[in-house]
Amino acid sequence: MKPFSLALLVALLALIVACSGPESLGSKAEYAALQGAEVTYRSQSIYGPEIHTAQGYELLALPTTEGRTWIMLKAEHDPYWKQMPQTDAFSIPKSLLDKLVRENRASPDAQRVLSSHVTK
């Protein structure tokens, strides 16, 4: 194999790796949307579930013992469950989860994780 061909192959592989996974530009943009929402609403009280749109992404805010946690309902890039800040100290009403599923507003990964936090 010629050195140029090998270099081209290595460059293409590096590009493929850089464009996928949790370090991809798409994944970073999704985390940036979560972080922006977290900063924007940090000082505001939360009394129940809220749905907001940030940078074109639909985000679910749920009350926690520390304030709120933000969940991306339909992440398009790996990892497909994105939450900020990370915590298990939240719950979601079953009726809200059912509505999100019925309206196809939550990805299968979001549905799976949220279903483990359902309250009646």
PDB file of N, CA and C in Angstrom:
ATOM      1  N   MET A   1       0.848  -1.170   0.000  1.00  0.00           N
ATOM      2  CA  MET A   1       0.000   0.000   0.000  1.00  0.00           C
ATOM      3  C   MET A   1       0.900   1.243   0.000  1.00  0.00           C
ATOM      4  N   LYS A   2       0.587   2.194  -0.809  1.00  0.00           N
ATOM      5  CA  LYS A   2       1.375   3.415  -0.909  1.00  0.00           C
ATOM      6  C   LYS A   2       1.214   4.229   0.369  1.00  0.00           C
ATOM      7  N   PRO A   3       2.250   4.990   0.756  1.00  0.00           N
ATOM      8  CA  PRO A   3       2.159   5.811   1.970  1.00  0.00           C
ATOM      9  C   PRO A   3       0.988   6.792   1.933  1.00  0.00           C
ATOM     10  N   PHE A   4       0.706   7.353   0.762  1.00  0.00           N
ATOM     11  CA  PHE A   4      -0.407   8.294   0.649  1.00  0.00           C
ATOM     12  C   PHE A   4      -1.732   7.595   0.923  1.00  0.00           C
ATOM     13  N   SER A   5      -1.908   6.400   0.376  1.00  0.00           N
ATOM     14  CA  SER A   5      -3.148   5.645   0.576  1.00  0.00           C
ATOM     15  C   SER A   5      -3.318   5.266   2.035  1.00  0.00           C
ATOM     16  N   LEU A   6      -2.240   4.878   2.676  1.00  0.00           N
ATOM     17  CA  LEU A   6      -2.300   4.517   4.087  1.00  0.00           C
ATOM     18  C   LEU A   6      -2.648   5.740   4.927  1.00  0.00           C
ATOM     19  N   ALA A   7      -2.043   6.869   4.614  1.00  0.00           N
ATOM     20  CA  ALA A   7      -2.336   8.101   5.342  1.00  0.00           C
ATOM     21  C   ALA A   7      -3.792   8.506   5.155  1.00  0.00           C
ATOM     22  N   LEU A   8      -4.313   8.350   3.945  1.00  0.00           N
ATOM     23  CA  LEU A   8      -5.716   8.680   3.679  1.00  0.00           C
ATOM     24  C   LEU A   8      -6.639   7.759   4.471  1.00  0.00           C
ATOM     25  N   LEU A   9      -6.319   6.485   4.506  1.00  0.00           N
ATOM     26  CA  LEU A   9      -7.118   5.521   5.255  1.00  0.00           C
ATOM     27  C   LEU A   9      -7.122   5.857   6.742  1.00  0.00           C
ATOM     28  N   VAL A  10      -5.968   6.176   7.296  1.00  0.00           N
ATOM     29  CA  VAL A  10      -5.857   6.545   8.714  1.00  0.00           C
ATOM     30  C   VAL A  10      -6.669   7.817   8.986  1.00  0.00           C
ATOM     31  N   ALA A  11      -6.584   8.796   8.102  1.00  0.00           N
ATOM     32  CA  ALA A  11      -7.337  10.037   8.270  1.00  0.00           C
ATOM     33  C   ALA A  11      -8.841   9.781   8.236  1.00  0.00           C
ATOM     34  N   LEU A  12      -9.296   8.926   7.337  1.00  0.00           N
ATOM     35  CA  LEU A  12     -10.719   8.600   7.257  1.00  0.00           C
ATOM     36  C   LEU A  12     -11.195   7.888   8.513  1.00  0.00           C
ATOM     37  N   LEU A  13     -10.404   6.958   9.026  1.00  0.00           N
ATOM     38  CA  LEU A  13     -10.770   6.263  10.262  1.00  0.00           C
ATOM     39  C   LEU A  13     -10.842   7.236  11.437  1.00  0.00           C
ATOM     40  N   ALA A  14      -9.902   8.152  11.512  1.00  0.00           N
ATOM     41  CA  ALA A  14      -9.911   9.153  12.581  1.00  0.00           C
ATOM     42  C   ALA A  14     -11.150  10.030  12.489  1.00  0.00           C
ATOM     43  N   LEU A  15     -11.543  10.393  11.285  1.00  0.00           N
ATOM     44  CA  LEU A  15     -12.732  11.206  11.082  1.00  0.00           C
ATOM     45  C   LEU A  15     -13.985  10.458  11.517  1.00  0.00           C
ATOM     46  N   ILE A  16     -14.078   9.191  11.182  1.00  0.00           N
ATOM     47  CA  ILE A  16     -15.240   8.386  11.578  1.00  0.00           C
ATOM     48  C   ILE A  16     -15.334   8.292  13.090  1.00  0.00           C
ATOM     49  N   VAL A  17     -14.228   8.046  13.749  1.00  0.00           N
ATOM     50  CA  VAL A  17     -14.217   7.948  15.207  1.00  0.00           C
ATOM     51  C   VAL A  17     -14.591   9.287  15.833  1.00  0.00           C
ATOM     52  N   ALA A  18     -14.088  10.383  15.298  1.00  0.00           N
ATOM     53  CA  ALA A  18     -14.365  11.711  15.851  1.00  0.00           C
ATOM     54  C   ALA A  18     -15.818  12.123  15.677  1.00  0.00           C
ATOM     55  N   CYS A  19     -16.505  11.572  14.706  1.00  0.00           N
ATOM     56  CA  CYS A  19     -17.879  11.979  14.412  1.00  0.00           C
ATOM     57  C   CYS A  19     -18.916  11.072  15.069  1.00  0.00           C
ATOM     58  N   SER A  20     -18.487  10.175  15.941  1.00  0.00           N
ATOM     59  CA  SER A  20     -19.438   9.286  16.592  1.00  0.00           C
ATOM     60  C   SER A  20     -19.103   9.169  18.067  1.00  0.00           C
ATOM     61  N   GLY A  21     -20.049   8.647  18.828  1.00  0.00           N
ATOM     62  CA  GLY A  21     -19.825   8.426  20.246  1.00  0.00           C
ATOM     63  C   GLY A  21     -20.062   9.665  21.083  1.00  0.00           C
ATOM     64  N   PRO A  22     -19.793   9.541  22.387  1.00  0.00           N
ATOM     65  CA  PRO A  22     -20.091  10.635  23.315  1.00  0.00           C
ATOM     66  C   PRO A  22     -19.247  11.883  23.105  1.00  0.00           C
ATOM     67  N   GLU A  23     -18.154  11.774  22.393  1.00  0.00           N
ATOM     68  CA  GLU A  23     -17.306  12.935  22.131  1.00  0.00           C
ATOM     69  C   GLU A  23     -17.601  13.583  20.780  1.00  0.00           C
ATOM     70  N   SER A  24     -18.634  13.123  20.083  1.00  0.00           N
ATOM     71  CA  SER A  24     -18.954  13.687  18.772  1.00  0.00           C
ATOM     72  C   SER A  24     -19.480  15.105  18.922  1.00  0.00           C
ATOM     73  N   LEU A  25     -19.396  15.858  17.853  1.00  0.00           N
ATOM     74  CA  LEU A  25     -19.911  17.231  17.875  1.00  0.00           C
ATOM     75  C   LEU A  25     -21.406  17.255  18.169  1.00  0.00           C
ATOM     76  N   GLY A  26     -22.156  16.284  17.614  1.00  0.00           N
ATOM     77  CA  GLY A  26     -23.602  16.227  17.860  1.00  0.00           C
ATOM     78  C   GLY A  26     -23.914  15.991  19.317  1.00  0.00           C
ATOM     79  N   SER A  27     -23.189  15.076  19.934  1.00  0.00           N
ATOM     80  CA  SER A  27     -23.404  14.784  21.353  1.00  0.00           C
ATOM     81  C   SER A  27     -23.040  15.998  22.207  1.00  0.00           C
ATOM     82  N   LYS A  28     -21.956  16.662  21.852  1.00  0.00           N
ATOM     83  CA  LYS A  28     -21.554  17.855  22.603  1.00  0.00           C
ATOM     84  C   LYS A  28     -22.590  18.965  22.481  1.00  0.00           C
ATOM     85  N   ALA A  29     -23.201  19.104  21.316  1.00  0.00           N
ATOM     86  CA  ALA A  29     -24.254  20.115  21.131  1.00  0.00           C
ATOM     87  C   ALA A  29     -25.459  19.794  22.014  1.00  0.00           C
ATOM     88  N   GLU A  30     -25.787  18.512  22.134  1.00  0.00           N
ATOM     89  CA  GLU A  30     -26.917  18.124  22.987  1.00  0.00           C
ATOM     90  C   GLU A  30     -26.616  18.424  24.455  1.00  0.00           C
ATOM     91  N   TYR A  31     -25.397  18.117  24.895  1.00  0.00           N
ATOM     92  CA  TYR A  31     -25.027  18.451  26.273  1.00  0.00           C
ATOM     93  C   TYR A  31     -25.007  19.963  26.488  1.00  0.00           C
ATOM     94  N   ALA A  32     -24.623  20.712  25.470  1.00  0.00           N
ATOM     95  CA  ALA A  32     -24.629  22.176  25.579  1.00  0.00           C
ATOM     96  C   ALA A  32     -26.049  22.698  25.774  1.00  0.00           C
ATOM     97  N   ALA A  33     -27.023  22.093  25.111  1.00  0.00           N
ATOM     98  CA  ALA A  33     -28.423  22.502  25.288  1.00  0.00           C
ATOM     99  C   ALA A  33     -28.876  22.228  26.722  1.00  0.00           C
ATOM    100  N   LEU A  34     -28.505  21.070  27.256  1.00  0.00           N
ATOM    101  CA  LEU A  34     -28.845  20.751  28.648  1.00  0.00           C
ATOM    102  C   LEU A  34     -28.179  21.733  29.604  1.00  0.00           C
ATOM    103  N   GLN A  35     -26.915  22.001  29.368  1.00  0.00           N
ATOM    104  CA  GLN A  35     -26.181  22.902  30.243  1.00  0.00           C
ATOM    105  C   GLN A  35     -26.748  24.318  30.184  1.00  0.00           C
ATOM    106  N   GLY A  36     -27.121  24.762  28.996  1.00  0.00           N
ATOM    107  CA  GLY A  36     -27.717  26.091  28.869  1.00  0.00           C
ATOM    108  C   GLY A  36     -29.020  26.203  29.635  1.00  0.00           C
ATOM    109  N   ALA A  37     -29.853  25.170  29.548  1.00  0.00           N
ATOM    110  CA  ALA A  37     -31.115  25.180  30.303  1.00  0.00           C
ATOM    111  C   ALA A  37     -30.836  25.165  31.798  1.00  0.00           C
ATOM    112  N   GLU A  38     -29.870  24.366  32.212  1.00  0.00           N
ATOM    113  CA  GLU A  38     -29.539  24.274  33.639  1.00  0.00           C
ATOM    114  C   GLU A  38     -29.107  25.641  34.172  1.00  0.00           C
ATOM    115  N   VAL A  39     -28.270  26.335  33.430  1.00  0.00           N
ATOM    116  CA  VAL A  39     -27.803  27.656  33.856  1.00  0.00           C
ATOM    117  C   VAL A  39     -28.950  28.668  33.851  1.00  0.00           C
ATOM    118  N   THR A  40     -29.787  28.641  32.814  1.00  0.00           N
ATOM    119  CA  THR A  40     -30.880  29.601  32.683  1.00  0.00           C
ATOM    120  C   THR A  40     -31.888  29.490  33.829  1.00  0.00           C
ATOM    121  N   TYR A  41     -32.220  28.264  34.227  1.00  0.00           N
ATOM    122  CA  TYR A  41     -33.281  28.055  35.215  1.00  0.00           C
ATOM    123  C   TYR A  41     -32.761  27.730  36.610  1.00  0.00           C
ATOM    124  N   ARG A  42     -31.468  27.753  36.801  1.00  0.00           N
ATOM    125  CA  ARG A  42     -30.857  27.354  38.074  1.00  0.00           C
ATOM    126  C   ARG A  42     -31.443  28.068  39.283  1.00  0.00           C
ATOM    127  N   SER A  43     -31.693  29.344  39.187  1.00  0.00           N
ATOM    128  CA  SER A  43     -32.147  30.122  40.345  1.00  0.00           C
ATOM    129  C   SER A  43     -33.668  30.107  40.516  1.00  0.00           C
ATOM    130  N   GLN A  44     -34.381  29.452  39.613  1.00  0.00           N
ATOM    131  CA  GLN A  44     -35.846  29.418  39.705  1.00  0.00           C
ATOM    132  C   GLN A  44     -36.316  28.142  40.388  1.00  0.00           C
ATOM    133  N   SER A  45     -37.344  28.273  41.194  1.00  0.00           N
ATOM    134  CA  SER A  45     -37.928  27.111  41.865  1.00  0.00           C
ATOM    135  C   SER A  45     -38.681  26.253  40.857  1.00  0.00           C
ATOM    136  N   ILE A  46     -38.785  24.969  41.165  1.00  0.00           N
ATOM    137  CA  ILE A  46     -39.554  24.045  40.333  1.00  0.00           C
ATOM    138  C   ILE A  46     -40.541  23.330  41.247  1.00  0.00           C
ATOM    139  N   TYR A  47     -41.787  23.242  40.799  1.00  0.00           N
ATOM    140  CA  TYR A  47     -42.843  22.652  41.622  1.00  0.00           C
ATOM    141  C   TYR A  47     -43.413  21.384  41.011  1.00  0.00           C
ATOM    142  N   GLY A  48     -43.055  21.104  39.791  1.00  0.00           N
ATOM    143  CA  GLY A  48     -43.535  19.911  39.101  1.00  0.00           C
ATOM    144  C   GLY A  48     -42.792  19.783  37.790  1.00  0.00           C
ATOM    145  N   PRO A  49     -43.086  18.746  37.031  1.00  0.00           N
ATOM    146  CA  PRO A  49     -42.414  18.549  35.748  1.00  0.00           C
ATOM    147  C   PRO A  49     -42.636  19.732  34.800  1.00  0.00           C
ATOM    148  N   GLU A  50     -41.605  20.058  34.049  1.00  0.00           N
ATOM    149  CA  GLU A  50     -41.675  21.129  33.060  1.00  0.00           C
ATOM    150  C   GLU A  50     -41.044  20.642  31.764  1.00  0.00           C
ATOM    151  N   ILE A  51     -41.600  21.073  30.656  1.00  0.00           N
ATOM    152  CA  ILE A  51     -41.004  20.763  29.358  1.00  0.00           C
ATOM    153  C   ILE A  51     -40.607  22.076  28.700  1.00  0.00           C
ATOM    154  N   HIS A  52     -39.354  22.140  28.279  1.00  0.00           N
ATOM    155  CA  HIS A  52     -38.814  23.337  27.641  1.00  0.00           C
ATOM    156  C   HIS A  52     -38.150  22.934  26.335  1.00  0.00           C
ATOM    157  N   THR A  53     -38.027  23.892  25.437  1.00  0.00           N
ATOM    158  CA  THR A  53     -37.273  23.681  24.211  1.00  0.00           C
ATOM    159  C   THR A  53     -36.028  24.552  24.282  1.00  0.00           C
ATOM    160  N   ALA A  54     -34.882  23.936  24.000  1.00  0.00           N
ATOM    161  CA  ALA A  54     -33.615  24.665  24.007  1.00  0.00           C
ATOM    162  C   ALA A  54     -32.797  24.219  22.803  1.00  0.00           C
ATOM    163  N   GLN A  55     -32.424  25.171  21.974  1.00  0.00           N
ATOM    164  CA  GLN A  55     -31.600  24.911  20.795  1.00  0.00           C
ATOM    165  C   GLN A  55     -32.202  23.812  19.913  1.00  0.00           C
ATOM    166  N   GLY A  56     -33.524  23.767  19.851  1.00  0.00           N
ATOM    167  CA  GLY A  56     -34.216  22.802  19.012  1.00  0.00           C
ATOM    168  C   GLY A  56     -34.450  21.444  19.659  1.00  0.00           C
ATOM    169  N   TYR A  57     -34.030  21.266  20.902  1.00  0.00           N
ATOM    170  CA  TYR A  57     -34.212  20.004  21.618  1.00  0.00           C
ATOM    171  C   TYR A  57     -35.313  20.152  22.663  1.00  0.00           C
ATOM    172  N   GLU A  58     -36.123  19.123  22.804  1.00  0.00           N
ATOM    173  CA  GLU A  58     -37.158  19.128  23.834  1.00  0.00           C
ATOM    174  C   GLU A  58     -36.563  18.526  25.105  1.00  0.00           C
ATOM    175  N   LEU A  59     -36.630  19.306  26.186  1.00  0.00           N
ATOM    176  CA  LEU A  59     -36.033  18.909  27.452  1.00  0.00           C
ATOM    177  C   LEU A  59     -37.104  18.798  28.531  1.00  0.00           C
ATOM    178  N   LEU A  60     -36.955  17.805  29.373  1.00  0.00           N
ATOM    179  CA  LEU A  60     -37.846  17.589  30.506  1.00  0.00           C
ATOM    180  C   LEU A  60     -37.095  17.968  31.771  1.00  0.00           C
ATOM    181  N   ALA A  61     -37.676  18.857  32.562  1.00  0.00           N
ATOM    182  CA  ALA A  61     -37.110  19.222  33.859  1.00  0.00           C
ATOM    183  C   ALA A  61     -37.968  18.556  34.932  1.00  0.00           C
ATOM    184  N   LEU A  62     -37.303  17.868  35.853  1.00  0.00           N
ATOM    185  CA  LEU A  62     -38.005  17.201  36.940  1.00  0.00           C
ATOM    186  C   LEU A  62     -37.419  17.663  38.269  1.00  0.00           C
ATOM    187  N   PRO A  63     -38.283  17.876  39.267  1.00  0.00           N
ATOM    188  CA  PRO A  63     -37.782  18.271  40.589  1.00  0.00           C
ATOM    189  C   PRO A  63     -36.920  17.171  41.205  1.00  0.00           C
ATOM    190  N   THR A  64     -35.885  17.596  41.911  1.00  0.00           N
ATOM    191  CA  THR A  64     -35.031  16.678  42.668  1.00  0.00           C
ATOM    192  C   THR A  64     -34.831  17.261  44.061  1.00  0.00           C
ATOM    193  N   THR A  65     -34.144  16.532  44.891  1.00  0.00           N
ATOM    194  CA  THR A  65     -33.852  17.043  46.233  1.00  0.00           C
ATOM    195  C   THR A  65     -32.892  18.234  46.176  1.00  0.00           C
ATOM    196  N   GLU A  66     -32.171  18.385  45.077  1.00  0.00           N
ATOM    197  CA  GLU A  66     -31.199  19.474  44.913  1.00  0.00           C
ATOM    198  C   GLU A  66     -31.697  20.596  44.004  1.00  0.00           C
ATOM    199  N   GLY A  67     -32.918  20.517  43.531  1.00  0.00           N
ATOM    200  CA  GLY A  67     -33.453  21.523  42.605  1.00  0.00           C
ATOM    201  C   GLY A  67     -34.171  20.863  41.447  1.00  0.00           C
ATOM    202  N   ARG A  68     -33.463  20.689  40.329  1.00  0.00           N
ATOM    203  CA  ARG A  68     -34.064  20.029  39.174  1.00  0.00           C
ATOM    204  C   ARG A  68     -32.994  19.287  38.392  1.00  0.00           C
ATOM    205  N   THR A  69     -33.441  18.300  37.645  1.00  0.00           N
ATOM    206  CA  THR A  69     -32.569  17.614  36.711  1.00  0.00           C
ATOM    207  C   THR A  69     -33.167  17.761  35.324  1.00  0.00           C
ATOM    208  N   TRP A  70     -32.317  17.893  34.336  1.00  0.00           N
ATOM    209  CA  TRP A  70     -32.729  18.079  32.952  1.00  0.00           C
ATOM    210  C   TRP A  70     -32.497  16.797  32.174  1.00  0.00           C
ATOM    211  N   ILE A  71     -33.480  16.406  31.397  1.00  0.00           N
ATOM    212  CA  ILE A  71     -33.410  15.180  30.610  1.00  0.00           C
ATOM    213  C   ILE A  71     -33.732  15.510  29.161  1.00  0.00           C
ATOM    214  N   MET A  72     -32.868  15.077  28.257  1.00  0.00           N
ATOM    215  CA  MET A  72     -33.131  15.242  26.832  1.00  0.00           C
ATOM    216  C   MET A  72     -34.059  14.109  26.410  1.00  0.00           C
ATOM    217  N   LEU A  73     -35.225  14.462  25.894  1.00  0.00           N
ATOM    218  CA  LEU A  73     -36.228  13.446  25.581  1.00  0.00           C
ATOM    219  C   LEU A  73     -35.891  12.625  24.340  1.00  0.00           C
ATOM    220  N   LYS A  74     -35.228  13.209  23.368  1.00  0.00           N
ATOM    221  CA  LYS A  74     -34.914  12.476  22.129  1.00  0.00           C
ATOM    222  C   LYS A  74     -33.505  12.818  21.659  1.00  0.00           C
ATOM    223  N   ALA A  75     -32.530  12.331  22.389  1.00  0.00           N
ATOM    224  CA  ALA A  75     -31.143  12.547  21.972  1.00  0.00           C
ATOM    225  C   ALA A  75     -30.908  11.820  20.649  1.00  0.00           C
ATOM    226  N   GLU A  76     -30.206  12.472  19.764  1.00  0.00           N
ATOM    227  CA  GLU A  76     -29.934  11.898  18.442  1.00  0.00           C
ATOM    228  C   GLU A  76     -28.525  11.324  18.340  1.00  0.00           C
ATOM    229  N   HIS A  77     -27.706  11.549  19.368  1.00  0.00           N
ATOM    230  CA  HIS A  77     -26.317  11.107  19.342  1.00  0.00           C
ATOM    231  C   HIS A  77     -25.990  10.331  20.612  1.00  0.00           C
ATOM    232  N   ASP A  78     -25.121   9.355  20.471  1.00  0.00           N
ATOM    233  CA  ASP A  78     -24.666   8.526  21.579  1.00  0.00           C
ATOM    234  C   ASP A  78     -23.955   9.379  22.621  1.00  0.00           C
ATOM    235  N   PRO A  79     -24.242   9.215  23.897  1.00  0.00           N
ATOM    236  CA  PRO A  79     -25.219   8.311  24.485  1.00  0.00           C
ATOM    237  C   PRO A  79     -26.639   8.864  24.315  1.00  0.00           C
ATOM    238  N   TYR A  80     -27.580   7.971  24.209  1.00  0.00           N
ATOM    239  CA  TYR A  80     -28.956   8.366  23.912  1.00  0.00           C
ATOM    240  C   TYR A  80     -29.756   8.715  25.154  1.00  0.00           C
ATOM    241  N   TRP A  81     -29.185   8.551  26.332  1.00  0.00           N
ATOM    242  CA  TRP A  81     -29.766   9.061  27.582  1.00  0.00           C
ATOM    243  C   TRP A  81     -28.847  10.172  28.051  1.00  0.00           C
ATOM    244  N   LYS A  82     -29.380  11.386  28.060  1.00  0.00           N
ATOM    245  CA  LYS A  82     -28.595  12.530  28.524  1.00  0.00           C
ATOM    246  C   LYS A  82     -29.378  13.217  29.635  1.00  0.00           C
ATOM    247  N   GLN A  83     -28.692  13.434  30.741  1.00  0.00           N
ATOM    248  CA  GLN A  83     -29.303  14.041  31.921  1.00  0.00           C
ATOM    249  C   GLN A  83     -28.268  14.940  32.584  1.00  0.00           C
ATOM    250  N   MET A  84     -28.734  16.081  33.114  1.00  0.00           N
ATOM    251  CA  MET A  84     -27.825  17.006  33.787  1.00  0.00           C
ATOM    252  C   MET A  84     -28.583  17.745  34.875  1.00  0.00           C
ATOM    253  N   PRO A  85     -28.107  17.764  36.092  1.00  0.00           N
ATOM    254  CA  PRO A  85     -27.020  16.948  36.615  1.00  0.00           C
ATOM    255  C   PRO A  85     -27.480  15.502  36.820  1.00  0.00           C
ATOM    256  N   GLN A  86     -26.509  14.595  36.879  1.00  0.00           N
ATOM    257  CA  GLN A  86     -26.804  13.181  37.073  1.00  0.00           C
ATOM    258  C   GLN A  86     -27.315  12.965  38.493  1.00  0.00           C
ATOM    259  N   THR A  87     -28.460  12.301  38.608  1.00  0.00           N
ATOM    260  CA  THR A  87     -29.029  11.950  39.903  1.00  0.00           C
ATOM    261  C   THR A  87     -30.101  10.891  39.674  1.00  0.00           C
ATOM    262  N   ASP A  88     -30.334  10.099  40.701  1.00  0.00           N
ATOM    263  CA  ASP A  88     -31.454   9.160  40.659  1.00  0.00           C
ATOM    264  C   ASP A  88     -32.603   9.661  41.519  1.00  0.00           C
ATOM    265  N   ALA A  89     -32.425  10.830  42.138  1.00  0.00           N
ATOM    266  CA  ALA A  89     -33.408  11.369  43.079  1.00  0.00           C
ATOM    267  C   ALA A  89     -34.478  12.183  42.363  1.00  0.00           C
ATOM    268  N   PHE A  90     -35.181  11.544  41.434  1.00  0.00           N
ATOM    269  CA  PHE A  90     -36.293  12.208  40.745  1.00  0.00           C
ATOM    270  C   PHE A  90     -37.368  11.180  40.450  1.00  0.00           C
ATOM    271  N   SER A  91     -38.554  11.690  40.180  1.00  0.00           N
ATOM    272  CA  SER A  91     -39.660  10.808  39.779  1.00  0.00           C
ATOM    273  C   SER A  91     -40.469  11.508  38.702  1.00  0.00           C
ATOM    274  N   ILE A  92     -41.223  10.702  37.966  1.00  0.00           N
ATOM    275  CA  ILE A  92     -42.082  11.230  36.907  1.00  0.00           C
ATOM    276  C   ILE A  92     -43.458  10.599  37.060  1.00  0.00           C
ATOM    277  N   PRO A  93     -44.501  11.414  36.981  1.00  0.00           N
ATOM    278  CA  PRO A  93     -45.853  10.852  37.051  1.00  0.00           C
ATOM    279  C   PRO A  93     -46.106   9.903  35.872  1.00  0.00           C
ATOM    280  N   LYS A  94     -46.751   8.794  36.157  1.00  0.00           N
ATOM    281  CA  LYS A  94     -47.052   7.812  35.114  1.00  0.00           C
ATOM    282  C   LYS A  94     -47.847   8.449  33.985  1.00  0.00           C
ATOM    283  N   SER A  95     -48.780   9.327  34.318  1.00  0.00           N
ATOM    284  CA  SER A  95     -49.606   9.963  33.288  1.00  0.00           C
ATOM    285  C   SER A  95     -48.758  10.797  32.327  1.00  0.00           C
ATOM    286  N   LEU A  96     -47.717  11.472  32.833  1.00  0.00           N
ATOM    287  CA  LEU A  96     -46.844  12.264  31.966  1.00  0.00           C
ATOM    288  C   LEU A  96     -46.003  11.352  31.080  1.00  0.00           C
ATOM    289  N   LEU A  97     -45.454  10.291  31.648  1.00  0.00           N
ATOM    290  CA  LEU A  97     -44.666   9.368  30.833  1.00  0.00           C
ATOM    291  C   LEU A  97     -45.538   8.736  29.757  1.00  0.00           C
ATOM    292  N   ASP A  98     -46.744   8.327  30.120  1.00  0.00           N
ATOM    293  CA  ASP A  98     -47.665   7.750  29.131  1.00  0.00           C
ATOM    294  C   ASP A  98     -47.934   8.739  27.999  1.00  0.00           C
ATOM    295  N   LYS A  99     -48.123  10.008  28.344  1.00  0.00           N
ATOM    296  CA  LYS A  99     -48.385  11.037  27.328  1.00  0.00           C
ATOM    297  C   LYS A  99     -47.166  11.222  26.415  1.00  0.00           C
ATOM    298  N   LEU A 100     -45.973  11.273  26.996  1.00  0.00           N
ATOM    299  CA  LEU A 100     -44.756  11.429  26.190  1.00  0.00           C
ATOM    300  C   LEU A 100     -44.577  10.253  25.232  1.00  0.00           C
ATOM    301  N   VAL A 101     -44.870   9.056  25.706  1.00  0.00           N
ATOM    302  CA  VAL A 101     -44.749   7.861  24.859  1.00  0.00           C
ATOM    303  C   VAL A 101     -45.807   7.893  23.759  1.00  0.00           C
ATOM    304  N   ARG A 102     -47.041   8.181  24.145  1.00  0.00           N
ATOM    305  CA  ARG A 102     -48.151   8.208  23.178  1.00  0.00           C
ATOM    306  C   ARG A 102     -47.907   9.234  22.075  1.00  0.00           C
ATOM    307  N   GLU A 103     -47.321  10.368  22.431  1.00  0.00           N
ATOM    308  CA  GLU A 103     -47.059  11.437  21.465  1.00  0.00           C
ATOM    309  C   GLU A 103     -45.686  11.293  20.790  1.00  0.00           C
ATOM    310  N   ASN A 104     -44.991  10.193  21.064  1.00  0.00           N
ATOM    311  CA  ASN A 104     -43.676   9.909  20.470  1.00  0.00           C
ATOM    312  C   ASN A 104     -42.681  11.042  20.726  1.00  0.00           C
ATOM    313  N   ARG A 105     -42.681  11.532  21.950  1.00  0.00           N
ATOM    314  CA  ARG A 105     -41.800  12.639  22.311  1.00  0.00           C
ATOM    315  C   ARG A 105     -40.580  12.189  23.106  1.00  0.00           C
ATOM    316  N   ALA A 106     -40.489  10.904  23.423  1.00  0.00           N
ATOM    317  CA  ALA A 106     -39.348  10.378  24.177  1.00  0.00           C
ATOM    318  C   ALA A 106     -38.754   9.192  23.430  1.00  0.00           C
ATOM    319  N   SER A 107     -37.451   9.157  23.353  1.00  0.00           N
ATOM    320  CA  SER A 107     -36.753   8.049  22.693  1.00  0.00           C
ATOM    321  C   SER A 107     -36.933   6.771  23.507  1.00  0.00           C
ATOM    322  N   PRO A 108     -36.679   5.622  22.906  1.00  0.00           N
ATOM    323  CA  PRO A 108     -36.756   4.364  23.668  1.00  0.00           C
ATOM    324  C   PRO A 108     -35.843   4.364  24.900  1.00  0.00           C
ATOM    325  N   ASP A 109     -34.645   4.935  24.786  1.00  0.00           N
ATOM    326  CA  ASP A 109     -33.758   4.993  25.953  1.00  0.00           C
ATOM    327  C   ASP A 109     -34.340   5.885  27.043  1.00  0.00           C
ATOM    328  N   ALA A 110     -34.880   7.030  26.661  1.00  0.00           N
ATOM    329  CA  ALA A 110     -35.501   7.919  27.644  1.00  0.00           C
ATOM    330  C   ALA A 110     -36.705   7.236  28.288  1.00  0.00           C
ATOM    331  N   GLN A 111     -37.513   6.565  27.497  1.00  0.00           N
ATOM    332  CA  GLN A 111     -38.670   5.840  28.043  1.00  0.00           C
ATOM    333  C   GLN A 111     -38.227   4.799  29.059  1.00  0.00           C
ATOM    334  N   ARG A 112     -37.187   4.044  28.715  1.00  0.00           N
ATOM    335  CA  ARG A 112     -36.708   2.969  29.589  1.00  0.00           C
ATOM    336  C   ARG A 112     -36.248   3.520  30.935  1.00  0.00           C
ATOM    337  N   VAL A 113     -35.424   4.563  30.912  1.00  0.00           N
ATOM    338  CA  VAL A 113     -34.909   5.108  32.168  1.00  0.00           C
ATOM    339  C   VAL A 113     -36.020   5.800  32.954  1.00  0.00           C
ATOM    340  N   LEU A 114     -36.829   6.590  32.274  1.00  0.00           N
ATOM    341  CA  LEU A 114     -37.911   7.280  32.967  1.00  0.00           C
ATOM    342  C   LEU A 114     -38.900   6.307  33.599  1.00  0.00           C
ATOM    343  N   SER A 115     -39.146   5.181  32.932  1.00  0.00           N
ATOM    344  CA  SER A 115     -40.114   4.218  33.482  1.00  0.00           C
ATOM    345  C   SER A 115     -39.655   3.626  34.801  1.00  0.00           C
ATOM    346  N   SER A 116     -38.352   3.668  35.066  1.00  0.00           N
ATOM    347  CA  SER A 116     -37.860   3.168  36.362  1.00  0.00           C
ATOM    348  C   SER A 116     -38.017   4.214  37.475  1.00  0.00           C
ATOM    349  N   HIS A 117     -38.561   5.384  37.134  1.00  0.00           N
ATOM    350  CA  HIS A 117     -38.756   6.461  38.119  1.00  0.00           C
ATOM    351  C   HIS A 117     -40.219   6.896  38.189  1.00  0.00           C
ATOM    352  N   VAL A 118     -41.133   6.046  37.790  1.00  0.00           N
ATOM    353  CA  VAL A 118     -42.561   6.388  37.717  1.00  0.00           C
ATOM    354  C   VAL A 118     -43.195   6.397  39.103  1.00  0.00           C
ATOM    355  N   THR A 119     -44.047   7.423  39.298  1.00  0.00           N
ATOM    356  CA  THR A 119     -44.932   7.462  40.456  1.00  0.00           C
ATOM    357  C   THR A 119     -46.352   7.384  39.937  1.00  0.00           C
ATOM    358  N   LYS A 120     -47.250   6.953  40.765  1.00  0.00           N
ATOM    359  CA  LYS A 120     -48.660   6.811  40.343  1.00  0.00           C
ATOM    360  C   LYS A 120     -49.308   8.127  40.083  1.00  0.00           C
TER     361      LYS A 120
END
